[in-house]
Protein backbone atom coordinates (compact mmCIF):
# COMPACT_ATOMS: atom_id res chain seq x y z
CA MET A 1 0.00 0.00 0.00
CA ASN A 2 1.24 3.43 -0.98
CA LYS A 3 -0.21 6.42 0.87
CA ARG A 4 0.34 10.13 0.37
CA ILE A 5 -1.35 13.30 1.54
CA ILE A 6 -2.53 16.12 -0.70
CA GLU A 7 -3.59 19.53 0.61
CA SER A 8 -6.33 21.04 -1.55
CA ASN A 9 -8.63 23.97 -0.81
CA GLY A 10 -7.86 23.68 2.90
CA PHE A 11 -8.58 19.94 3.07
CA ARG A 12 -6.18 17.07 3.75
CA ILE A 13 -6.87 14.27 1.31
CA VAL A 14 -5.21 10.90 1.71
CA ILE A 15 -4.49 9.13 -1.58
CA ILE A 16 -4.13 5.37 -1.24
CA ASN A 17 -2.92 3.03 -3.97
CA SER A 18 -2.58 -0.71 -3.63
CA ASP A 19 -2.21 -3.59 -6.06
CA VAL A 20 -4.03 -5.93 -3.67
CA PRO A 21 -7.41 -5.48 -1.98
CA ILE A 22 -7.24 -3.77 1.41
CA ILE A 23 -10.98 -3.14 1.67
CA THR A 24 -12.68 -6.53 1.66
CA ASP A 25 -15.69 -5.86 3.90
CA ALA A 26 -17.23 -3.22 6.17
CA GLN A 27 -14.75 -3.87 9.00
CA THR A 28 -11.65 -3.38 6.86
CA ALA A 29 -13.21 -0.17 5.51
CA ILE A 30 -13.85 1.08 9.06
CA ASP A 31 -10.28 0.21 10.05
CA LEU A 32 -8.87 2.11 7.07
CA LEU A 33 -11.11 5.13 7.66
CA ALA A 34 -10.06 5.20 11.32
CA THR A 35 -6.38 4.92 10.41
CA VAL A 36 -6.66 7.78 7.93
CA ASN A 37 -8.56 9.84 10.50
CA TYR A 38 -6.15 9.33 13.39
CA ASP A 39 -2.78 8.86 11.68
CA ASP A 40 -3.26 11.42 8.91
CA ASP A 41 -5.82 13.78 10.48
CA SER A 42 -8.11 13.50 7.47
CA ASP A 43 -11.73 12.64 6.84
CA ARG A 44 -11.24 12.42 3.06
CA MET A 45 -9.74 9.54 1.17
CA ALA A 46 -9.23 8.55 -2.46
CA ILE A 47 -8.46 4.91 -3.10
CA ASN A 48 -7.76 3.06 -6.32
CA LYS A 49 -10.30 0.45 -7.45
CA GLU A 50 -7.75 -2.36 -7.26
CA ALA A 51 -7.49 -1.80 -3.49
CA ILE A 52 -11.12 -2.87 -3.12
CA ALA A 53 -12.21 -6.51 -3.25
CA GLU A 54 -13.99 -7.41 -6.48
CA GLY A 55 -17.01 -8.59 -4.46
CA PHE A 56 -17.69 -4.95 -3.60
CA PHE A 57 -18.75 -4.39 -7.22
CA THR A 58 -21.30 -7.22 -7.10
CA LEU A 59 -24.13 -5.45 -5.28
CA SER A 60 -25.82 -8.68 -4.23
CA THR A 61 -22.93 -9.38 -1.83
CA GLY A 62 -23.97 -6.37 0.24
CA ILE A 63 -20.36 -5.24 0.71
CA ALA A 64 -20.78 -1.96 -1.18
CA GLY A 65 -23.88 -1.00 0.77
CA GLU A 66 -22.25 -1.79 4.11
CA VAL A 67 -19.05 0.08 3.28
CA LEU A 68 -20.84 3.14 1.96
CA GLN A 69 -23.18 3.21 4.96
CA LYS A 70 -20.12 3.30 7.24
CA VAL A 71 -18.61 6.17 5.25
CA VAL A 72 -21.81 8.18 5.62
CA ASN A 73 -22.37 7.25 9.29
CA TYR A 74 -18.84 8.30 10.26
CA ARG A 75 -19.12 11.50 8.19
CA LYS A 76 -16.18 10.72 5.92
CA LYS A 77 -15.73 11.28 2.20
CA LEU A 78 -14.49 8.59 -0.15
CA ALA A 79 -13.55 8.61 -3.82
CA ILE A 80 -12.93 5.32 -5.58
CA VAL A 81 -10.68 5.89 -8.58
CA GLY A 82 -10.79 3.59 -11.56
CA GLU A 83 -12.58 2.44 -14.68
CA PHE A 84 -16.07 1.06 -14.07
CA SER A 85 -17.55 0.90 -17.59
CA HIS A 86 -16.58 -2.75 -18.08
CA TYR A 87 -19.09 -3.85 -15.44
CA LYS A 88 -22.28 -4.99 -17.16
CA SER A 89 -24.61 -4.67 -14.16
CA LYS A 90 -27.25 -2.00 -14.68
CA SER A 91 -27.88 -1.85 -10.94
CA LEU A 92 -24.17 -1.19 -10.30
CA HIS A 93 -24.15 1.61 -12.88
CA ASP A 94 -27.29 3.07 -11.28
CA PHE A 95 -25.64 2.80 -7.86
CA ILE A 96 -22.52 4.60 -9.12
CA TYR A 97 -24.67 7.29 -10.74
CA GLU A 98 -26.58 7.92 -7.51
CA CYS A 99 -23.40 8.00 -5.42
CA ASN A 100 -21.85 10.54 -7.77
CA ARG A 101 -24.90 12.79 -7.37
CA GLY A 102 -24.33 12.89 -3.61
CA SER A 103 -21.62 14.46 -1.50
CA ASP A 104 -19.97 11.58 0.38
CA VAL A 105 -18.95 8.78 -1.99
CA PHE A 106 -17.74 9.14 -5.56
CA PHE A 107 -16.70 6.75 -8.31
CA ILE A 108 -14.18 8.74 -10.32
CA SER A 109 -11.98 7.94 -13.31
CA THR A 110 -8.90 10.03 -12.39
CA GLU A 111 -7.04 10.95 -9.24
CA GLN A 112 -7.19 14.63 -10.18
CA GLU A 113 -10.97 14.47 -10.48
CA ALA A 114 -11.14 12.71 -7.09
CA ILE A 115 -9.10 15.49 -5.47
CA GLY A 116 -11.46 18.05 -6.97
CA ARG A 117 -14.58 16.30 -5.64
CA LEU A 118 -13.02 15.79 -2.19
CA SER A 119 -11.89 19.43 -1.95
CA VAL A 120 -15.34 20.91 -1.34
């Protein structure tokens, strides 16, 4: 896992990149959010798609809903950076669309775009 901090518009944003999944369920998401909060003094995180277990993107597993509920409950902001168009699930695309309309969780294609969405 590679972690770095970006300051943007007065906000500390933690950028996390990993080649292996580090978010596999709600508990690992909570642990990562807590680590970012306490170690890096940030409530905003961008993470690459590869750092999230593939089961997250199958909505029937319930992982995505649990993780996103934790993000909202703990008043954090999360951007997931990657390419999502190859998923064929209409419900996943609808889910991504609805998340991107909100203010807490975003599915973004570039790190720069993630920083922009997390900087407000």
